[in-house]
Amino acid sequence: MSVVIIRPSTITSTFKEPFSGWTEKIRTVDSVVVGYGTAKLTCFLGDLNAISDVILADMVVNAMLVSMAVRAGRQKEMIYHIMPEIAYMYFSNKPWTNKERMVIRVNDIKVLSSMPSFHRYMTIHYLLPLKVVFRTICHVVNLYFKTRVQEMGLAKG
């Protein structure tokens, strides 16, 4: 009897079959893929030297079919480890579209290797711009009410 053991890593959406990007549910790594594919995820905290061990679902099925055909009738068991694909190449070649059917272009994701680098990124890209917006709004509101108080003759002084 032939025995084939397939050891896929984390299985994610599909490459081609039944159609590109198909997934039954969004869970674990799929949420990262969806965030990146929709260009909403711009950075990710992780180790650049780590291996992102994910594989597309239809590649797992194809590997299973090929391994069964290759090993048919052989007595010795065989273990196959299946390698991952690269997300940037995939989304560059097959970009997703938004609600308006406009193509979503992705950039290389920034992988931040430490908490300090993550804090720097968040400060530069989010915290500082939000502080500027907040202070501007406060200044405009202050001027508005200062003017209204002066118009009403309630100002002291």
Protein backbone atom coordinates (compact mmCIF):
# COMPACT_ATOMS: atom_id res chain seq x y z
CA MET A 1 0.00 0.00 0.00
CA SER A 2 1.27 3.47 -0.90
CA VAL A 3 1.34 6.09 1.84
CA VAL A 4 1.75 9.78 1.12
CA ILE A 5 1.91 12.33 3.91
CA ILE A 6 1.29 15.92 2.82
CA ARG A 7 2.42 18.55 5.32
CA PRO A 8 1.21 21.92 4.08
CA SER A 9 1.96 24.95 6.17
CA THR A 10 -0.77 27.50 6.93
CA ILE A 11 -3.29 27.23 4.11
CA THR A 12 -4.70 30.48 2.75
CA SER A 13 -6.83 31.54 -0.25
CA THR A 14 -6.44 30.22 -3.80
CA PHE A 15 -4.17 31.13 -6.70
CA LYS A 16 -6.46 30.07 -9.60
CA GLU A 17 -9.10 27.46 -8.72
CA PRO A 18 -12.03 27.84 -8.33
CA PHE A 19 -11.00 31.47 -8.91
CA SER A 20 -8.12 33.69 -7.88
CA GLY A 21 -8.28 34.82 -4.24
CA TRP A 22 -11.13 32.51 -3.21
CA THR A 23 -11.34 31.73 0.48
CA GLU A 24 -14.14 30.17 2.48
CA LYS A 25 -13.67 32.34 5.57
CA ILE A 26 -11.29 35.06 6.67
CA ARG A 27 -9.27 33.77 9.61
CA THR A 28 -5.72 33.89 10.98
CA VAL A 29 -3.32 34.80 8.18
CA ASP A 30 -6.15 35.59 5.74
CA SER A 31 -6.90 38.82 7.59
CA VAL A 32 -3.32 39.95 6.94
CA VAL A 33 -3.63 38.98 3.27
CA VAL A 34 -6.95 40.85 2.94
CA GLY A 35 -5.47 43.91 4.68
CA TYR A 36 -2.47 43.89 2.34
CA GLY A 37 -4.49 43.07 -0.80
CA THR A 38 -6.80 46.01 -0.15
CA ALA A 39 -3.77 48.29 0.53
CA LYS A 40 -5.02 49.00 4.07
CA LEU A 41 -2.15 47.22 5.81
CA THR A 42 0.98 49.29 5.25
CA CYS A 43 3.25 47.82 7.89
CA PHE A 44 3.59 44.63 9.85
CA LEU A 45 5.51 43.87 13.03
CA GLY A 46 7.65 40.81 12.41
CA ASP A 47 11.09 39.35 11.89
CA LEU A 48 12.53 39.90 8.39
CA ASN A 49 14.57 36.71 8.75
CA ALA A 50 11.60 34.58 9.75
CA ILE A 51 9.94 32.29 7.26
CA SER A 52 6.33 33.12 6.47
CA ASP A 53 5.11 29.60 5.98
CA VAL A 54 1.82 29.90 4.11
CA ILE A 55 0.56 28.23 0.95
CA LEU A 56 -2.38 28.77 -1.37
CA ALA A 57 -5.21 26.23 -1.08
CA ASP A 58 -5.30 25.10 -4.71
CA MET A 59 -1.54 24.45 -4.62
CA VAL A 60 -2.11 22.09 -1.69
CA VAL A 61 -4.78 20.22 -3.66
CA ASN A 62 -2.53 20.07 -6.74
CA ALA A 63 0.39 18.79 -4.66
CA MET A 64 -1.87 16.10 -3.17
CA LEU A 65 -3.02 14.94 -6.61
CA VAL A 66 0.49 14.90 -8.07
CA SER A 67 1.98 13.11 -5.06
CA MET A 68 -0.72 10.41 -5.22
CA ALA A 69 -0.06 9.86 -8.93
CA VAL A 70 3.73 9.77 -8.46
CA ARG A 71 3.63 7.43 -5.45
CA ALA A 72 0.90 5.06 -6.73
CA GLY A 73 1.93 1.43 -6.31
CA ARG A 74 5.14 2.18 -4.39
CA GLN A 75 5.69 0.62 -1.00
CA LYS A 76 7.81 3.23 0.76
CA GLU A 77 6.07 6.17 2.41
CA MET A 78 6.95 9.70 1.33
CA ILE A 79 6.56 13.03 3.14
CA TYR A 80 6.17 16.21 1.13
CA HIS A 81 6.69 19.71 2.51
CA ILE A 82 5.04 22.39 0.38
CA MET A 83 6.68 25.80 -0.10
CA PRO A 84 4.95 29.24 0.09
CA GLU A 85 4.27 31.85 -2.61
CA ILE A 86 5.16 35.55 -2.41
CA ALA A 87 2.22 37.93 -1.77
CA TYR A 88 3.67 41.00 -3.50
CA MET A 89 4.18 39.19 -6.81
CA TYR A 90 0.69 37.76 -6.59
CA PHE A 91 -1.11 41.03 -5.84
CA SER A 92 1.00 42.91 -8.40
CA ASN A 93 0.00 40.44 -11.12
CA LYS A 94 -3.59 39.92 -9.95
CA PRO A 95 -4.66 43.05 -8.05
CA TRP A 96 -7.97 43.18 -6.23
CA THR A 97 -10.60 45.78 -7.04
CA ASN A 98 -12.55 48.01 -4.65
CA LYS A 99 -16.34 48.59 -4.57
CA GLU A 100 -16.06 50.99 -7.51
CA ARG A 101 -14.18 48.29 -9.46
CA MET A 102 -10.99 50.36 -9.36
CA VAL A 103 -7.76 48.37 -9.22
CA ILE A 104 -6.03 48.41 -5.82
CA ARG A 105 -2.26 48.75 -6.19
CA VAL A 106 -0.10 47.36 -3.39
CA ASN A 107 3.40 48.41 -2.37
CA ASP A 108 6.04 46.37 -0.61
CA ILE A 109 4.86 45.96 2.95
CA LYS A 110 7.15 47.36 5.60
CA VAL A 111 8.13 44.60 8.01
CA LEU A 112 9.10 46.17 11.31
CA SER A 113 11.43 43.96 13.32
CA SER A 114 11.07 45.49 16.78
CA MET A 115 8.63 47.37 18.99
CA PRO A 116 10.75 50.56 18.86
CA SER A 117 10.64 50.50 15.04
CA PHE A 118 6.87 49.91 15.21
CA HIS A 119 6.45 52.85 17.62
CA ARG A 120 8.54 55.10 15.33
CA TYR A 121 6.48 54.11 12.31
CA MET A 122 3.17 54.71 14.11
CA THR A 123 4.39 58.05 15.49
CA ILE A 124 5.57 59.36 12.12
CA HIS A 125 2.66 58.07 10.05
CA TYR A 126 -0.26 58.45 12.47
CA LEU A 127 0.41 60.17 15.80
CA LEU A 128 2.14 63.32 14.51
CA PRO A 129 -0.37 63.94 11.69
CA LEU A 130 -3.27 63.42 14.13
CA LYS A 131 -1.72 65.87 16.60
CA VAL A 132 -1.38 68.48 13.85
CA VAL A 133 -5.02 67.99 12.81
CA PHE A 134 -6.21 68.10 16.44
CA ARG A 135 -4.28 71.29 17.24
CA THR A 136 -5.50 72.93 14.04
CA ILE A 137 -9.12 72.10 14.86
CA CYS A 138 -8.67 73.37 18.43
CA HIS A 139 -7.17 76.62 17.13
CA VAL A 140 -10.00 77.15 14.60
CA VAL A 141 -12.70 76.39 17.19
CA ASN A 142 -11.00 78.71 19.70
CA LEU A 143 -10.89 81.54 17.15
CA TYR A 144 -14.53 80.95 16.24
CA PHE A 145 -15.76 81.17 19.81
CA LYS A 146 -13.46 84.07 20.63
CA THR A 147 -14.99 85.97 17.68
CA ARG A 148 -18.55 85.00 18.70
CA VAL A 149 -17.92 86.19 22.29
CA GLN A 150 -16.53 89.51 21.03
CA GLU A 151 -19.50 89.96 18.68
CA MET A 152 -21.89 89.39 21.56
CA GLY A 153 -20.04 91.94 23.69
CA LEU A 154 -19.31 89.42 26.41
CA ALA A 155 -15.55 89.78 26.28
CA LYS A 156 -13.88 91.32 29.30
CA GLY A 157 -11.44 93.87 28.94
